[in-house]
């Protein structure tokens, strides 16, 4: 990818727009696979919501503190393996 960007074949911003969602999808699949393979271990995926961070130019409507709610819920919940969480709790995949 870096060679394509350096050669001008792909604009850097456009390359990031394509790579980020693909990496998130891959991470979700790996999480689901580990959760299934390791039911005795807490393996979860978390969507903290659109949080104001440097990644999005601080345009998210919620603070980093608010974005951590889902992470804390996922790490302290009763279910060990498999769920997907957002700020409101567990969601189906």
C-alpha atoms as a PDB file:
ATOM      1  CA  UNK A   1       0.000   0.000   0.000  1.00  0.00           C
ATOM      2  CA  UNK A   2       2.820   2.411   0.850  1.00  0.00           C
ATOM      3  CA  UNK A   3       4.371   1.903  -2.602  1.00  0.00           C
ATOM      4  CA  UNK A   4       1.053   2.702  -4.248  1.00  0.00           C
ATOM      5  CA  UNK A   5       0.690   5.837  -2.151  1.00  0.00           C
ATOM      6  CA  UNK A   6       4.283   6.899  -2.803  1.00  0.00           C
ATOM      7  CA  UNK A   7       3.884   6.388  -6.537  1.00  0.00           C
ATOM      8  CA  UNK A   8       0.731   8.480  -6.590  1.00  0.00           C
ATOM      9  CA  UNK A   9      -1.539   5.595  -7.605  1.00  0.00           C
ATOM     10  CA  UNK A  10      -3.659   5.993  -4.485  1.00  0.00           C
ATOM     11  CA  UNK A  11      -4.240   9.229  -2.589  1.00  0.00           C
ATOM     12  CA  UNK A  12      -3.237   8.837   1.093  1.00  0.00           C
ATOM     13  CA  UNK A  13      -6.643   9.923   2.451  1.00  0.00           C
ATOM     14  CA  UNK A  14      -8.482   7.574   0.116  1.00  0.00           C
ATOM     15  CA  UNK A  15      -6.192   4.703   1.068  1.00  0.00           C
ATOM     16  CA  UNK A  16      -6.921   5.276   4.775  1.00  0.00           C
ATOM     17  CA  UNK A  17     -10.656   5.333   4.064  1.00  0.00           C
ATOM     18  CA  UNK A  18     -10.399   1.881   2.498  1.00  0.00           C
ATOM     19  CA  UNK A  19      -7.995   0.292   4.953  1.00  0.00           C
ATOM     20  CA  UNK A  20      -9.692   1.342   8.207  1.00  0.00           C
ATOM     21  CA  UNK A  21     -13.079  -0.387   7.635  1.00  0.00           C
ATOM     22  CA  UNK A  22     -11.364  -3.506   6.305  1.00  0.00           C
ATOM     23  CA  UNK A  23      -9.154  -3.711   9.384  1.00  0.00           C
ATOM     24  CA  UNK A  24     -12.180  -3.273  11.667  1.00  0.00           C
ATOM     25  CA  UNK A  25     -14.035  -6.088   9.892  1.00  0.00           C
ATOM     26  CA  UNK A  26     -11.001  -8.365  10.223  1.00  0.00           C
ATOM     27  CA  UNK A  27     -10.660  -7.532  13.915  1.00  0.00           C
ATOM     28  CA  UNK A  28     -14.353  -8.305  14.516  1.00  0.00           C
ATOM     29  CA  UNK A  29     -13.945 -11.707  12.863  1.00  0.00           C
ATOM     30  CA  UNK A  30     -10.844 -12.534  14.895  1.00  0.00           C
ATOM     31  CA  UNK A  31     -12.690 -11.503  18.064  1.00  0.00           C
ATOM     32  CA  UNK A  32     -15.631 -13.754  17.216  1.00  0.00           C
ATOM     33  CA  UNK A  33     -13.312 -16.669  16.442  1.00  0.00           C
ATOM     34  CA  UNK A  34     -11.393 -16.299  19.719  1.00  0.00           C
ATOM     35  CA  UNK A  35     -14.637 -15.982  21.682  1.00  0.00           C
ATOM     36  CA  UNK A  36     -15.885 -19.240  20.210  1.00  0.00           C
ATOM     37  CA  UNK A  37     -12.564 -21.043  20.689  1.00  0.00           C
ATOM     38  CA  UNK A  38     -11.984 -19.776  24.237  1.00  0.00           C
ATOM     39  CA  UNK A  39     -15.342 -19.753  26.050  1.00  0.00           C
ATOM     40  CA  UNK A  40     -13.621 -19.653  29.452  1.00  0.00           C
ATOM     41  CA  UNK A  41     -11.890 -16.346  28.586  1.00  0.00           C
ATOM     42  CA  UNK A  42     -13.572 -12.930  28.324  1.00  0.00           C
ATOM     43  CA  UNK A  43     -13.324 -12.030  24.643  1.00  0.00           C
ATOM     44  CA  UNK A  44     -15.500  -9.129  23.528  1.00  0.00           C
ATOM     45  CA  UNK A  45     -15.749  -6.440  20.864  1.00  0.00           C
ATOM     46  CA  UNK A  46     -16.726  -2.916  21.831  1.00  0.00           C
ATOM     47  CA  UNK A  47     -18.145   0.014  19.891  1.00  0.00           C
ATOM     48  CA  UNK A  48     -17.594   3.046  22.125  1.00  0.00           C
ATOM     49  CA  UNK A  49     -19.579   5.251  19.748  1.00  0.00           C
ATOM     50  CA  UNK A  50     -18.505   8.315  17.818  1.00  0.00           C
ATOM     51  CA  UNK A  51     -16.123   9.780  20.369  1.00  0.00           C
ATOM     52  CA  UNK A  52     -14.166  13.026  20.041  1.00  0.00           C
ATOM     53  CA  UNK A  53     -10.586  11.869  19.390  1.00  0.00           C
ATOM     54  CA  UNK A  54      -7.621  12.937  17.290  1.00  0.00           C
ATOM     55  CA  UNK A  55      -8.582  10.236  14.756  1.00  0.00           C
ATOM     56  CA  UNK A  56     -11.724  12.179  13.764  1.00  0.00           C
ATOM     57  CA  UNK A  57     -10.451  15.700  14.437  1.00  0.00           C
ATOM     58  CA  UNK A  58     -12.344  15.796  17.758  1.00  0.00           C
ATOM     59  CA  UNK A  59     -15.685  15.957  15.935  1.00  0.00           C
ATOM     60  CA  UNK A  60     -17.400  13.184  17.897  1.00  0.00           C
ATOM     61  CA  UNK A  61     -20.358  14.279  20.041  1.00  0.00           C
ATOM     62  CA  UNK A  62     -19.175  12.478  23.174  1.00  0.00           C
ATOM     63  CA  UNK A  63     -16.089  12.753  25.355  1.00  0.00           C
ATOM     64  CA  UNK A  64     -13.482  10.045  25.740  1.00  0.00           C
ATOM     65  CA  UNK A  65     -14.848   9.456  29.248  1.00  0.00           C
ATOM     66  CA  UNK A  66     -18.307   8.800  27.822  1.00  0.00           C
ATOM     67  CA  UNK A  67     -16.805   6.531  25.177  1.00  0.00           C
ATOM     68  CA  UNK A  68     -15.229   4.334  27.830  1.00  0.00           C
ATOM     69  CA  UNK A  69     -18.629   3.353  29.284  1.00  0.00           C
ATOM     70  CA  UNK A  70     -19.010   0.536  26.769  1.00  0.00           C
ATOM     71  CA  UNK A  71     -15.487  -0.724  27.425  1.00  0.00           C
ATOM     72  CA  UNK A  72     -16.048  -0.871  31.176  1.00  0.00           C
ATOM     73  CA  UNK A  73     -19.389  -2.654  30.667  1.00  0.00           C
ATOM     74  CA  UNK A  74     -17.771  -5.203  28.363  1.00  0.00           C
ATOM     75  CA  UNK A  75     -14.930  -5.889  30.783  1.00  0.00           C
ATOM     76  CA  UNK A  76     -17.094  -6.239  33.879  1.00  0.00           C
ATOM     77  CA  UNK A  77     -20.218  -7.922  32.483  1.00  0.00           C
ATOM     78  CA  UNK A  78     -21.473 -11.360  33.457  1.00  0.00           C
ATOM     79  CA  UNK A  79     -20.995 -12.931  30.024  1.00  0.00           C
ATOM     80  CA  UNK A  80     -17.459 -14.077  29.318  1.00  0.00           C
ATOM     81  CA  UNK A  81     -17.269 -14.749  25.619  1.00  0.00           C
ATOM     82  CA  UNK A  82     -18.723 -13.525  22.404  1.00  0.00           C
ATOM     83  CA  UNK A  83     -20.855 -10.430  22.854  1.00  0.00           C
ATOM     84  CA  UNK A  84     -20.533  -7.200  20.971  1.00  0.00           C
ATOM     85  CA  UNK A  85     -21.107  -4.124  23.140  1.00  0.00           C
ATOM     86  CA  UNK A  86     -21.977  -0.498  22.641  1.00  0.00           C
ATOM     87  CA  UNK A  87     -22.834   2.146  25.259  1.00  0.00           C
ATOM     88  CA  UNK A  88     -26.250   0.550  25.811  1.00  0.00           C
ATOM     89  CA  UNK A  89     -25.027  -2.987  26.471  1.00  0.00           C
ATOM     90  CA  UNK A  90     -24.696  -6.253  24.535  1.00  0.00           C
ATOM     91  CA  UNK A  91     -25.745  -6.389  20.878  1.00  0.00           C
ATOM     92  CA  UNK A  92     -26.124  -9.252  18.405  1.00  0.00           C
ATOM     93  CA  UNK A  93     -23.357  -9.699  15.869  1.00  0.00           C
END
